[in-house]
Amino acid sequence: MLKKTLEWLGDSRRALSSFPAPIQDEVGYALYLAQVGEKHASAKPMHGLGAGVMEIASNDASGAFRAVYTVAIGAKVYVVHAFQKKSKVGVSTPAPEIDVIRQRLKRLREEVRNERNDF
């Protein structure tokens, strides 16, 4: 079994470390599954952000937590963003969080493209 390297973008690792321990465990296991080419039951595609961009949704009594990762850019699993969903209405990801995800994905795609051009 080939395990992909996990790379954290922006403050995603710090944000995840602030989540409650059971949420950290669930997200960590979901990311491990992504590294070995599988998909956790709570991981769903994020539409409109490109192929291979997935959102892990986890909830507990303290709130709703999300982690976004991609396996479709380069040869690694990139954790793009992690956040606590503050909105009490609706199921969609808040626009400011989508903006952060879009910006980080754009930067990541440019970096990977530049790395490929350097060879």
PDB file of N, CA and C in Angstrom:
ATOM      1  N   MET A   1       0.847  -1.180   0.000  1.00  0.00           N
ATOM      2  CA  MET A   1       0.000   0.000   0.000  1.00  0.00           C
ATOM      3  C   MET A   1       0.888   1.237   0.000  1.00  0.00           C
ATOM      4  N   LEU A   2       0.706   2.065  -1.007  1.00  0.00           N
ATOM      5  CA  LEU A   2       1.456   3.312  -1.118  1.00  0.00           C
ATOM      6  C   LEU A   2       0.688   4.412  -0.399  1.00  0.00           C
ATOM      7  N   LYS A   3       1.340   5.077   0.521  1.00  0.00           N
ATOM      8  CA  LYS A   3       0.701   6.133   1.303  1.00  0.00           C
ATOM      9  C   LYS A   3       1.226   7.480   0.825  1.00  0.00           C
ATOM     10  N   LYS A   4       0.302   8.353   0.375  1.00  0.00           N
ATOM     11  CA  LYS A   4       0.683   9.694  -0.062  1.00  0.00           C
ATOM     12  C   LYS A   4       1.069  10.556   1.132  1.00  0.00           C
ATOM     13  N   THR A   5       1.957  11.499   0.894  1.00  0.00           N
ATOM     14  CA  THR A   5       2.357  12.470   1.905  1.00  0.00           C
ATOM     15  C   THR A   5       1.204  13.443   2.154  1.00  0.00           C
ATOM     16  N   LEU A   6       1.067  13.864   3.399  1.00  0.00           N
ATOM     17  CA  LEU A   6       0.039  14.834   3.785  1.00  0.00           C
ATOM     18  C   LEU A   6       0.710  16.189   3.949  1.00  0.00           C
ATOM     19  N   GLU A   7       0.148  17.207   3.310  1.00  0.00           N
ATOM     20  CA  GLU A   7       0.694  18.561   3.433  1.00  0.00           C
ATOM     21  C   GLU A   7      -0.420  19.513   3.846  1.00  0.00           C
ATOM     22  N   TRP A   8      -0.094  20.408   4.776  1.00  0.00           N
ATOM     23  CA  TRP A   8      -1.053  21.355   5.338  1.00  0.00           C
ATOM     24  C   TRP A   8      -0.859  22.726   4.720  1.00  0.00           C
ATOM     25  N   LEU A   9      -1.938  23.358   4.283  1.00  0.00           N
ATOM     26  CA  LEU A   9      -1.870  24.703   3.709  1.00  0.00           C
ATOM     27  C   LEU A   9      -2.375  25.722   4.728  1.00  0.00           C
ATOM     28  N   GLY A  10      -1.749  26.900   4.710  1.00  0.00           N
ATOM     29  CA  GLY A  10      -2.181  27.983   5.591  1.00  0.00           C
ATOM     30  C   GLY A  10      -2.199  27.560   7.042  1.00  0.00           C
ATOM     31  N   ASP A  11      -3.268  27.903   7.730  1.00  0.00           N
ATOM     32  CA  ASP A  11      -3.397  27.594   9.157  1.00  0.00           C
ATOM     33  C   ASP A  11      -4.230  26.344   9.409  1.00  0.00           C
ATOM     34  N   SER A  12      -4.376  25.499   8.382  1.00  0.00           N
ATOM     35  CA  SER A  12      -5.276  24.355   8.508  1.00  0.00           C
ATOM     36  C   SER A  12      -4.879  23.398   9.633  1.00  0.00           C
ATOM     37  N   ARG A  13      -3.592  23.169   9.832  1.00  0.00           N
ATOM     38  CA  ARG A  13      -3.155  22.256  10.893  1.00  0.00           C
ATOM     39  C   ARG A  13      -3.457  22.844  12.269  1.00  0.00           C
ATOM     40  N   ARG A  14      -3.163  24.131  12.449  1.00  0.00           N
ATOM     41  CA  ARG A  14      -3.449  24.794  13.718  1.00  0.00           C
ATOM     42  C   ARG A  14      -4.955  24.795  13.999  1.00  0.00           C
ATOM     43  N   ALA A  15      -5.742  25.088  12.956  1.00  0.00           N
ATOM     44  CA  ALA A  15      -7.194  25.116  13.126  1.00  0.00           C
ATOM     45  C   ALA A  15      -7.716  23.739  13.551  1.00  0.00           C
ATOM     46  N   LEU A  16      -7.229  22.692  12.883  1.00  0.00           N
ATOM     47  CA  LEU A  16      -7.680  21.342  13.231  1.00  0.00           C
ATOM     48  C   LEU A  16      -7.297  20.990  14.667  1.00  0.00           C
ATOM     49  N   SER A  17      -6.134  21.443  15.109  1.00  0.00           N
ATOM     50  CA  SER A  17      -5.691  21.128  16.469  1.00  0.00           C
ATOM     51  C   SER A  17      -6.552  21.813  17.528  1.00  0.00           C
ATOM     52  N   SER A  18      -7.339  22.812  17.136  1.00  0.00           N
ATOM     53  CA  SER A  18      -8.232  23.486  18.077  1.00  0.00           C
ATOM     54  C   SER A  18      -9.604  22.808  18.163  1.00  0.00           C
ATOM     55  N   PHE A  19      -9.867  21.834  17.292  1.00  0.00           N
ATOM     56  CA  PHE A  19     -11.142  21.112  17.308  1.00  0.00           C
ATOM     57  C   PHE A  19     -11.184  20.164  18.513  1.00  0.00           C
ATOM     58  N   PRO A  20     -12.385  19.791  18.966  1.00  0.00           N
ATOM     59  CA  PRO A  20     -12.487  18.796  20.046  1.00  0.00           C
ATOM     60  C   PRO A  20     -11.802  17.479  19.635  1.00  0.00           C
ATOM     61  N   ALA A  21     -11.249  16.769  20.603  1.00  0.00           N
ATOM     62  CA  ALA A  21     -10.479  15.545  20.335  1.00  0.00           C
ATOM     63  C   ALA A  21     -11.228  14.517  19.468  1.00  0.00           C
ATOM     64  N   PRO A  22     -12.507  14.232  19.723  1.00  0.00           N
ATOM     65  CA  PRO A  22     -13.189  13.248  18.861  1.00  0.00           C
ATOM     66  C   PRO A  22     -13.292  13.713  17.394  1.00  0.00           C
ATOM     67  N   ILE A  23     -13.433  15.006  17.191  1.00  0.00           N
ATOM     68  CA  ILE A  23     -13.488  15.555  15.833  1.00  0.00           C
ATOM     69  C   ILE A  23     -12.105  15.426  15.187  1.00  0.00           C
ATOM     70  N   GLN A  24     -11.056  15.750  15.940  1.00  0.00           N
ATOM     71  CA  GLN A  24      -9.698  15.588  15.428  1.00  0.00           C
ATOM     72  C   GLN A  24      -9.452  14.144  15.010  1.00  0.00           C
ATOM     73  N   ASP A  25      -9.910  13.206  15.825  1.00  0.00           N
ATOM     74  CA  ASP A  25      -9.721  11.784  15.514  1.00  0.00           C
ATOM     75  C   ASP A  25     -10.430  11.395  14.221  1.00  0.00           C
ATOM     76  N   GLU A  26     -11.679  11.840  14.072  1.00  0.00           N
ATOM     77  CA  GLU A  26     -12.441  11.496  12.872  1.00  0.00           C
ATOM     78  C   GLU A  26     -11.804  12.099  11.619  1.00  0.00           C
ATOM     79  N   VAL A  27     -11.444  13.380  11.694  1.00  0.00           N
ATOM     80  CA  VAL A  27     -10.821  14.042  10.544  1.00  0.00           C
ATOM     81  C   VAL A  27      -9.463  13.399  10.242  1.00  0.00           C
ATOM     82  N   GLY A  28      -8.703  13.099  11.279  1.00  0.00           N
ATOM     83  CA  GLY A  28      -7.401  12.454  11.090  1.00  0.00           C
ATOM     84  C   GLY A  28      -7.531  11.115  10.389  1.00  0.00           C
ATOM     85  N   TYR A  29      -8.513  10.327  10.791  1.00  0.00           N
ATOM     86  CA  TYR A  29      -8.725   9.030  10.154  1.00  0.00           C
ATOM     87  C   TYR A  29      -9.175   9.205   8.701  1.00  0.00           C
ATOM     88  N   ALA A  30     -10.046  10.180   8.455  1.00  0.00           N
ATOM     89  CA  ALA A  30     -10.497  10.458   7.086  1.00  0.00           C
ATOM     90  C   ALA A  30      -9.318  10.870   6.200  1.00  0.00           C
ATOM     91  N   LEU A  31      -8.408  11.672   6.748  1.00  0.00           N
ATOM     92  CA  LEU A  31      -7.223  12.090   5.980  1.00  0.00           C
ATOM     93  C   LEU A  31      -6.290  10.900   5.740  1.00  0.00           C
ATOM     94  N   TYR A  32      -6.159  10.026   6.730  1.00  0.00           N
ATOM     95  CA  TYR A  32      -5.354   8.813   6.541  1.00  0.00           C
ATOM     96  C   TYR A  32      -5.928   7.976   5.393  1.00  0.00           C
ATOM     97  N   LEU A  33      -7.242   7.794   5.389  1.00  0.00           N
ATOM     98  CA  LEU A  33      -7.873   7.032   4.305  1.00  0.00           C
ATOM     99  C   LEU A  33      -7.587   7.676   2.951  1.00  0.00           C
ATOM    100  N   ALA A  34      -7.630   9.002   2.892  1.00  0.00           N
ATOM    101  CA  ALA A  34      -7.314   9.699   1.642  1.00  0.00           C
ATOM    102  C   ALA A  34      -5.868   9.411   1.228  1.00  0.00           C
ATOM    103  N   GLN A  35      -4.969   9.359   2.193  1.00  0.00           N
ATOM    104  CA  GLN A  35      -3.560   9.091   1.898  1.00  0.00           C
ATOM    105  C   GLN A  35      -3.356   7.704   1.283  1.00  0.00           C
ATOM    106  N   VAL A  36      -4.193   6.754   1.666  1.00  0.00           N
ATOM    107  CA  VAL A  36      -4.037   5.391   1.145  1.00  0.00           C
ATOM    108  C   VAL A  36      -5.005   5.102  -0.006  1.00  0.00           C
ATOM    109  N   GLY A  37      -5.644   6.164  -0.520  1.00  0.00           N
ATOM    110  CA  GLY A  37      -6.480   6.023  -1.709  1.00  0.00           C
ATOM    111  C   GLY A  37      -7.921   5.628  -1.465  1.00  0.00           C
ATOM    112  N   GLU A  38      -8.381   5.764  -0.235  1.00  0.00           N
ATOM    113  CA  GLU A  38      -9.768   5.442   0.093  1.00  0.00           C
ATOM    114  C   GLU A  38     -10.508   6.718   0.491  1.00  0.00           C
ATOM    115  N   LYS A  39     -11.812   6.575   0.770  1.00  0.00           N
ATOM    116  CA  LYS A  39     -12.625   7.739   1.120  1.00  0.00           C
ATOM    117  C   LYS A  39     -13.470   7.420   2.343  1.00  0.00           C
ATOM    118  N   HIS A  40     -13.407   8.283   3.329  1.00  0.00           N
ATOM    119  CA  HIS A  40     -14.203   8.159   4.558  1.00  0.00           C
ATOM    120  C   HIS A  40     -15.666   8.445   4.242  1.00  0.00           C
ATOM    121  N   ALA A  41     -16.559   7.850   5.001  1.00  0.00           N
ATOM    122  CA  ALA A  41     -18.004   8.039   4.787  1.00  0.00           C
ATOM    123  C   ALA A  41     -18.429   9.495   4.926  1.00  0.00           C
ATOM    124  N   SER A  42     -17.713  10.280   5.734  1.00  0.00           N
ATOM    125  CA  SER A  42     -18.108  11.679   5.931  1.00  0.00           C
ATOM    126  C   SER A  42     -17.466  12.625   4.922  1.00  0.00           C
ATOM    127  N   ALA A  43     -16.667  12.103   3.982  1.00  0.00           N
ATOM    128  CA  ALA A  43     -16.015  12.941   2.968  1.00  0.00           C
ATOM    129  C   ALA A  43     -16.895  13.022   1.723  1.00  0.00           C
ATOM    130  N   LYS A  44     -17.233  14.245   1.344  1.00  0.00           N
ATOM    131  CA  LYS A  44     -18.090  14.485   0.182  1.00  0.00           C
ATOM    132  C   LYS A  44     -17.419  15.480  -0.763  1.00  0.00           C
ATOM    133  N   PRO A  45     -17.661  15.340  -2.068  1.00  0.00           N
ATOM    134  CA  PRO A  45     -17.079  16.304  -3.021  1.00  0.00           C
ATOM    135  C   PRO A  45     -17.625  17.715  -2.781  1.00  0.00           C
ATOM    136  N   MET A  46     -16.741  18.702  -2.921  1.00  0.00           N
ATOM    137  CA  MET A  46     -17.163  20.101  -2.871  1.00  0.00           C
ATOM    138  C   MET A  46     -17.339  20.568  -4.310  1.00  0.00           C
ATOM    139  N   HIS A  47     -18.552  20.772  -4.707  1.00  0.00           N
ATOM    140  CA  HIS A  47     -18.853  21.131  -6.088  1.00  0.00           C
ATOM    141  C   HIS A  47     -18.424  22.561  -6.392  1.00  0.00           C
ATOM    142  N   GLY A  48     -17.962  22.774  -7.623  1.00  0.00           N
ATOM    143  CA  GLY A  48     -17.583  24.103  -8.069  1.00  0.00           C
ATOM    144  C   GLY A  48     -16.146  24.499  -7.758  1.00  0.00           C
ATOM    145  N   LEU A  49     -15.367  23.584  -7.166  1.00  0.00           N
ATOM    146  CA  LEU A  49     -13.988  23.908  -6.810  1.00  0.00           C
ATOM    147  C   LEU A  49     -12.978  23.053  -7.563  1.00  0.00           C
ATOM    148  N   GLY A  50     -13.447  22.225  -8.453  1.00  0.00           N
ATOM    149  CA  GLY A  50     -12.559  21.355  -9.215  1.00  0.00           C
ATOM    150  C   GLY A  50     -12.659  19.919  -8.750  1.00  0.00           C
ATOM    151  N   ALA A  51     -12.225  19.021  -9.603  1.00  0.00           N
ATOM    152  CA  ALA A  51     -12.275  17.597  -9.286  1.00  0.00           C
ATOM    153  C   ALA A  51     -11.341  17.271  -8.136  1.00  0.00           C
ATOM    154  N   GLY A  52     -11.748  16.346  -7.314  1.00  0.00           N
ATOM    155  CA  GLY A  52     -10.887  15.866  -6.241  1.00  0.00           C
ATOM    156  C   GLY A  52     -10.813  16.745  -5.018  1.00  0.00           C
ATOM    157  N   VAL A  53     -11.662  17.772  -4.914  1.00  0.00           N
ATOM    158  CA  VAL A  53     -11.704  18.610  -3.717  1.00  0.00           C
ATOM    159  C   VAL A  53     -12.829  18.065  -2.839  1.00  0.00           C
ATOM    160  N   MET A  54     -12.440  17.614  -1.635  1.00  0.00           N
ATOM    161  CA  MET A  54     -13.373  16.930  -0.746  1.00  0.00           C
ATOM    162  C   MET A  54     -13.536  17.682   0.571  1.00  0.00           C
ATOM    163  N   GLU A  55     -14.724  17.565   1.145  1.00  0.00           N
ATOM    164  CA  GLU A  55     -14.999  18.179   2.442  1.00  0.00           C
ATOM    165  C   GLU A  55     -15.357  17.080   3.430  1.00  0.00           C
ATOM    166  N   ILE A  56     -14.674  17.088   4.568  1.00  0.00           N
ATOM    167  CA  ILE A  56     -14.996  16.180   5.665  1.00  0.00           C
ATOM    168  C   ILE A  56     -15.887  16.960   6.618  1.00  0.00           C
ATOM    169  N   ALA A  57     -17.078  16.447   6.868  1.00  0.00           N
ATOM    170  CA  ALA A  57     -18.021  17.102   7.766  1.00  0.00           C
ATOM    171  C   ALA A  57     -18.130  16.280   9.043  1.00  0.00           C
ATOM    172  N   SER A  58     -17.931  16.930  10.178  1.00  0.00           N
ATOM    173  CA  SER A  58     -18.012  16.251  11.464  1.00  0.00           C
ATOM    174  C   SER A  58     -18.704  17.180  12.461  1.00  0.00           C
ATOM    175  N   ASN A  59     -19.600  16.619  13.236  1.00  0.00           N
ATOM    176  CA  ASN A  59     -20.386  17.422  14.170  1.00  0.00           C
ATOM    177  C   ASN A  59     -20.341  16.799  15.567  1.00  0.00           C
ATOM    178  N   ASP A  60     -20.448  17.648  16.572  1.00  0.00           N
ATOM    179  CA  ASP A  60     -20.657  17.179  17.936  1.00  0.00           C
ATOM    180  C   ASP A  60     -21.489  18.235  18.659  1.00  0.00           C
ATOM    181  N   ALA A  61     -21.635  18.082  19.957  1.00  0.00           N
ATOM    182  CA  ALA A  61     -22.471  19.008  20.726  1.00  0.00           C
ATOM    183  C   ALA A  61     -21.958  20.438  20.679  1.00  0.00           C
ATOM    184  N   SER A  62     -20.659  20.623  20.428  1.00  0.00           N
ATOM    185  CA  SER A  62     -20.100  21.974  20.413  1.00  0.00           C
ATOM    186  C   SER A  62     -20.193  22.648  19.049  1.00  0.00           C
ATOM    187  N   GLY A  63     -20.621  21.918  18.021  1.00  0.00           N
ATOM    188  CA  GLY A  63     -20.793  22.550  16.725  1.00  0.00           C
ATOM    189  C   GLY A  63     -20.456  21.677  15.541  1.00  0.00           C
ATOM    190  N   ALA A  64     -20.419  22.335  14.382  1.00  0.00           N
ATOM    191  CA  ALA A  64     -20.130  21.673  13.105  1.00  0.00           C
ATOM    192  C   ALA A  64     -18.718  22.057  12.676  1.00  0.00           C
ATOM    193  N   PHE A  65     -17.936  21.060  12.295  1.00  0.00           N
ATOM    194  CA  PHE A  65     -16.546  21.276  11.913  1.00  0.00           C
ATOM    195  C   PHE A  65     -16.321  20.733  10.515  1.00  0.00           C
ATOM    196  N   ARG A  66     -15.457  21.408   9.772  1.00  0.00           N
ATOM    197  CA  ARG A  66     -15.188  21.017   8.389  1.00  0.00           C
ATOM    198  C   ARG A  66     -13.684  21.038   8.127  1.00  0.00           C
ATOM    199  N   ALA A  67     -13.250  20.096   7.302  1.00  0.00           N
ATOM    200  CA  ALA A  67     -11.875  20.094   6.797  1.00  0.00           C
ATOM    201  C   ALA A  67     -11.970  19.823   5.300  1.00  0.00           C
ATOM    202  N   VAL A  68     -11.227  20.577   4.520  1.00  0.00           N
ATOM    203  CA  VAL A  68     -11.253  20.446   3.061  1.00  0.00           C
ATOM    204  C   VAL A  68      -9.877  19.985   2.610  1.00  0.00           C
ATOM    205  N   TYR A  69      -9.874  18.961   1.755  1.00  0.00           N
ATOM    206  CA  TYR A  69      -8.611  18.458   1.237  1.00  0.00           C
ATOM    207  C   TYR A  69      -8.747  18.152  -0.244  1.00  0.00           C
ATOM    208  N   THR A  70      -7.602  17.983  -0.899  1.00  0.00           N
ATOM    209  CA  THR A  70      -7.615  17.584  -2.299  1.00  0.00           C
ATOM    210  C   THR A  70      -6.566  16.505  -2.533  1.00  0.00           C
ATOM    211  N   VAL A  71      -6.908  15.572  -3.390  1.00  0.00           N
ATOM    212  CA  VAL A  71      -5.982  14.512  -3.797  1.00  0.00           C
ATOM    213  C   VAL A  71      -5.666  14.630  -5.278  1.00  0.00           C
ATOM    214  N   ALA A  72      -6.234  15.636  -5.934  1.00  0.00           N
ATOM    215  CA  ALA A  72      -6.147  15.734  -7.392  1.00  0.00           C
ATOM    216  C   ALA A  72      -5.072  16.692  -7.893  1.00  0.00           C
ATOM    217  N   ILE A  73      -4.332  17.297  -7.006  1.00  0.00           N
ATOM    218  CA  ILE A  73      -3.288  18.251  -7.407  1.00  0.00           C
ATOM    219  C   ILE A  73      -1.954  17.680  -6.938  1.00  0.00           C
ATOM    220  N   GLY A  74      -1.077  17.398  -7.871  1.00  0.00           N
ATOM    221  CA  GLY A  74       0.215  16.846  -7.501  1.00  0.00           C
ATOM    222  C   GLY A  74       0.086  15.431  -6.958  1.00  0.00           C
ATOM    223  N   ALA A  75       1.112  14.996  -6.248  1.00  0.00           N
ATOM    224  CA  ALA A  75       1.175  13.613  -5.769  1.00  0.00           C
ATOM    225  C   ALA A  75       0.948  13.504  -4.264  1.00  0.00           C
ATOM    226  N   LYS A  76       0.416  14.548  -3.651  1.00  0.00           N
ATOM    227  CA  LYS A  76       0.208  14.567  -2.204  1.00  0.00           C
ATOM    228  C   LYS A  76      -1.270  14.745  -1.893  1.00  0.00           C
ATOM    229  N   VAL A  77      -1.606  14.553  -0.619  1.00  0.00           N
ATOM    230  CA  VAL A  77      -2.913  14.940  -0.103  1.00  0.00           C
ATOM    231  C   VAL A  77      -2.696  16.285   0.566  1.00  0.00           C
ATOM    232  N   TYR A  78      -3.383  17.312   0.090  1.00  0.00           N
ATOM    233  CA  TYR A  78      -3.254  18.653   0.636  1.00  0.00           C
ATOM    234  C   TYR A  78      -4.478  18.983   1.480  1.00  0.00           C
ATOM    235  N   VAL A  79      -4.249  19.348   2.736  1.00  0.00           N
ATOM    236  CA  VAL A  79      -5.333  19.835   3.585  1.00  0.00           C
ATOM    237  C   VAL A  79      -5.407  21.336   3.323  1.00  0.00           C
ATOM    238  N   VAL A  80      -6.461  21.739   2.654  1.00  0.00           N
ATOM    239  CA  VAL A  80      -6.585  23.105   2.165  1.00  0.00           C
ATOM    240  C   VAL A  80      -7.074  24.051   3.262  1.00  0.00           C
ATOM    241  N   HIS A  81      -8.045  23.594   4.063  1.00  0.00           N
ATOM    242  CA  HIS A  81      -8.646  24.491   5.061  1.00  0.00           C
ATOM    243  C   HIS A  81      -9.365  23.643   6.104  1.00  0.00           C
ATOM    244  N   ALA A  82      -9.403  24.137   7.334  1.00  0.00           N
ATOM    245  CA  ALA A  82     -10.172  23.518   8.414  1.00  0.00           C
ATOM    246  C   ALA A  82     -10.813  24.647   9.207  1.00  0.00           C
ATOM    247  N   PHE A  83     -12.089  24.469   9.535  1.00  0.00           N
ATOM    248  CA  PHE A  83     -12.797  25.546  10.224  1.00  0.00           C
ATOM    249  C   PHE A  83     -14.022  25.007  10.946  1.00  0.00           C
ATOM    250  N   GLN A  84     -14.487  25.793  11.920  1.00  0.00           N
ATOM    251  CA  GLN A  84     -15.747  25.500  12.573  1.00  0.00           C
ATOM    252  C   GLN A  84     -16.815  26.303  11.874  1.00  0.00           C
ATOM    253  N   LYS A  85     -17.858  25.629  11.477  1.00  0.00           N
ATOM    254  CA  LYS A  85     -18.963  26.301  10.784  1.00  0.00           C
ATOM    255  C   LYS A  85     -19.798  27.026  11.825  1.00  0.00           C
ATOM    256  N   LYS A  86     -19.874  28.336  11.687  1.00  0.00           N
ATOM    257  CA  LYS A  86     -20.563  29.164  12.684  1.00  0.00           C
ATOM    258  C   LYS A  86     -22.046  29.343  12.389  1.00  0.00           C
ATOM    259  N   SER A  87     -22.412  29.266  11.114  1.00  0.00           N
ATOM    260  CA  SER A  87     -23.794  29.517  10.712  1.00  0.00           C
ATOM    261  C   SER A  87     -24.731  28.475  11.303  1.00  0.00           C
ATOM    262  N   LYS A  88     -25.826  28.928  11.826  1.00  0.00           N
ATOM    263  CA  LYS A  88     -26.816  28.017  12.405  1.00  0.00           C
ATOM    264  C   LYS A  88     -27.908  27.646  11.406  1.00  0.00           C
ATOM    265  N   VAL A  89     -27.948  28.363  10.282  1.00  0.00           N
ATOM    266  CA  VAL A  89     -28.967  28.076   9.272  1.00  0.00           C
ATOM    267  C   VAL A  89     -28.314  27.656   7.967  1.00  0.00           C
ATOM    268  N   GLY A  90     -28.933  26.716   7.305  1.00  0.00           N
ATOM    269  CA  GLY A  90     -28.429  26.283   6.013  1.00  0.00           C
ATOM    270  C   GLY A  90     -27.309  25.272   6.149  1.00  0.00           C
ATOM    271  N   VAL A  91     -27.114  24.514   5.089  1.00  0.00           N
ATOM    272  CA  VAL A  91     -26.080  23.492   5.109  1.00  0.00           C
ATOM    273  C   VAL A  91     -24.867  23.879   4.278  1.00  0.00           C
ATOM    274  N   SER A  92     -24.997  24.965   3.527  1.00  0.00           N
ATOM    275  CA  SER A  92     -23.894  25.338   2.636  1.00  0.00           C
ATOM    276  C   SER A  92     -22.733  25.942   3.426  1.00  0.00           C
ATOM    277  N   THR A  93     -21.541  25.791   2.852  1.00  0.00           N
ATOM    278  CA  THR A  93     -20.333  26.355   3.446  1.00  0.00           C
ATOM    279  C   THR A  93     -20.383  27.875   3.296  1.00  0.00           C
ATOM    280  N   PRO A  94     -20.115  28.625   4.362  1.00  0.00           N
ATOM    281  CA  PRO A  94     -20.172  30.093   4.297  1.00  0.00           C
ATOM    282  C   PRO A  94     -19.228  30.668   3.238  1.00  0.00           C
ATOM    283  N   ALA A  95     -19.657  31.735   2.592  1.00  0.00           N
ATOM    284  CA  ALA A  95     -18.883  32.363   1.515  1.00  0.00           C
ATOM    285  C   ALA A  95     -17.457  32.738   1.919  1.00  0.00           C
ATOM    286  N   PRO A  96     -17.214  33.299   3.112  1.00  0.00           N
ATOM    287  CA  PRO A  96     -15.827  33.630   3.469  1.00  0.00           C
ATOM    288  C   PRO A  96     -14.922  32.392   3.509  1.00  0.00           C
ATOM    289  N   GLU A  97     -15.469  31.260   3.938  1.00  0.00           N
ATOM    290  CA  GLU A  97     -14.679  30.023   3.980  1.00  0.00           C
ATOM    291  C   GLU A  97     -14.404  29.522   2.554  1.00  0.00           C
ATOM    292  N   ILE A  98     -15.397  29.640   1.682  1.00  0.00           N
ATOM    293  CA  ILE A  98     -15.211  29.250   0.272  1.00  0.00           C
ATOM    294  C   ILE A  98     -14.131  30.115  -0.365  1.00  0.00           C
ATOM    295  N   ASP A  99     -14.118  31.411  -0.028  1.00  0.00           N
ATOM    296  CA  ASP A  99     -13.089  32.321  -0.568  1.00  0.00           C
ATOM    297  C   ASP A  99     -11.682  31.872  -0.156  1.00  0.00           C
ATOM    298  N   VAL A 100     -11.519  31.498   1.115  1.00  0.00           N
ATOM    299  CA  VAL A 100     -10.215  31.009   1.593  1.00  0.00           C
ATOM    300  C   VAL A 100      -9.824  29.750   0.818  1.00  0.00           C
ATOM    301  N   ILE A 101     -10.762  28.839   0.646  1.00  0.00           N
ATOM    302  CA  ILE A 101     -10.494  27.589  -0.069  1.00  0.00           C
ATOM    303  C   ILE A 101     -10.090  27.880  -1.511  1.00  0.00           C
ATOM    304  N   ARG A 102     -10.834  28.743  -2.180  1.00  0.00           N
ATOM    305  CA  ARG A 102     -10.509  29.095  -3.575  1.00  0.00           C
ATOM    306  C   ARG A 102      -9.108  29.698  -3.703  1.00  0.00           C
ATOM    307  N   GLN A 103      -8.774  30.632  -2.800  1.00  0.00           N
ATOM    308  CA  GLN A 103      -7.463  31.281  -2.836  1.00  0.00           C
ATOM    309  C   GLN A 103      -6.338  30.274  -2.624  1.00  0.00           C
ATOM    310  N   ARG A 104      -6.501  29.394  -1.658  1.00  0.00           N
ATOM    311  CA  ARG A 104      -5.456  28.401  -1.382  1.00  0.00           C
ATOM    312  C   ARG A 104      -5.325  27.398  -2.522  1.00  0.00           C
ATOM    313  N   LEU A 105      -6.442  26.987  -3.118  1.00  0.00           N
ATOM    314  CA  LEU A 105      -6.379  26.066  -4.258  1.00  0.00           C
ATOM    315  C   LEU A 105      -5.691  26.719  -5.448  1.00  0.00           C
ATOM    316  N   LYS A 106      -5.999  27.985  -5.696  1.00  0.00           N
ATOM    317  CA  LYS A 106      -5.373  28.699  -6.809  1.00  0.00           C
ATOM    318  C   LYS A 106      -3.865  28.765  -6.616  1.00  0.00           C
ATOM    319  N   ARG A 107      -3.437  29.139  -5.421  1.00  0.00           N
ATOM    320  CA  ARG A 107      -2.007  29.232  -5.110  1.00  0.00           C
ATOM    321  C   ARG A 107      -1.337  27.853  -5.234  1.00  0.00           C
ATOM    322  N   LEU A 108      -2.000  26.822  -4.729  1.00  0.00           N
ATOM    323  CA  LEU A 108      -1.457  25.464  -4.798  1.00  0.00           C
ATOM    324  C   LEU A 108      -1.304  25.011  -6.243  1.00  0.00           C
ATOM    325  N   ARG A 109      -2.327  25.233  -7.056  1.00  0.00           N
ATOM    326  CA  ARG A 109      -2.247  24.833  -8.468  1.00  0.00           C
ATOM    327  C   ARG A 109      -1.099  25.535  -9.182  1.00  0.00           C
ATOM    328  N   GLU A 110      -0.903  26.827  -8.883  1.00  0.00           N
ATOM    329  CA  GLU A 110       0.201  27.581  -9.490  1.00  0.00           C
ATOM    330  C   GLU A 110       1.551  27.022  -9.047  1.00  0.00           C
ATOM    331  N   GLU A 111       1.690  26.716  -7.760  1.00  0.00           N
ATOM    332  CA  GLU A 111       2.954  26.179  -7.249  1.00  0.00           C
ATOM    333  C   GLU A 111       3.281  24.829  -7.867  1.00  0.00           C
ATOM    334  N   VAL A 112       2.288  23.951  -7.965  1.00  0.00           N
ATOM    335  CA  VAL A 112       2.509  22.627  -8.547  1.00  0.00           C
ATOM    336  C   VAL A 112       2.846  22.757 -10.029  1.00  0.00           C
ATOM    337  N   ARG A 113       2.163  23.651 -10.736  1.00  0.00           N
ATOM    338  CA  ARG A 113       2.444  23.885 -12.158  1.00  0.00           C
ATOM    339  C   ARG A 113       3.880  24.382 -12.339  1.00  0.00           C
ATOM    340  N   ASN A 114       4.309  25.310 -11.481  1.00  0.00           N
ATOM    341  CA  ASN A 114       5.672  25.840 -11.554  1.00  0.00           C
ATOM    342  C   ASN A 114       6.710  24.774 -11.249  1.00  0.00           C
ATOM    343  N   GLU A 115       6.432  23.894 -10.292  1.00  0.00           N
ATOM    344  CA  GLU A 115       7.354  22.800  -9.967  1.00  0.00           C
ATOM    345  C   GLU A 115       7.528  21.872 -11.171  1.00  0.00           C
ATOM    346  N   ARG A 116       6.435  21.574 -11.852  1.00  0.00           N
ATOM    347  CA  ARG A 116       6.495  20.696 -13.029  1.00  0.00           C
ATOM    348  C   ARG A 116       7.296  21.338 -14.160  1.00  0.00           C
ATOM    349  N   ASN A 117       7.174  22.652 -14.291  1.00  0.00           N
ATOM    350  CA  ASN A 117       7.895  23.365 -15.342  1.00  0.00           C
ATOM    351  C   ASN A 117       9.383  23.493 -15.046  1.00  0.00           C
ATOM    352  N   ASP A 118       9.762  23.337 -13.767  1.00  0.00           N
ATOM    353  CA  ASP A 118      11.178  23.432 -13.389  1.00  0.00           C
ATOM    354  C   ASP A 118      11.964  22.182 -13.756  1.00  0.00           C
ATOM    355  N   PHE A 119      11.289  21.086 -14.073  1.00  0.00           N
ATOM    356  CA  PHE A 119      12.001  19.833 -14.392  1.00  0.00           C
ATOM    357  C   PHE A 119      12.325  19.736 -15.849  1.00  0.00           C
TER     358      PHE A 119
END
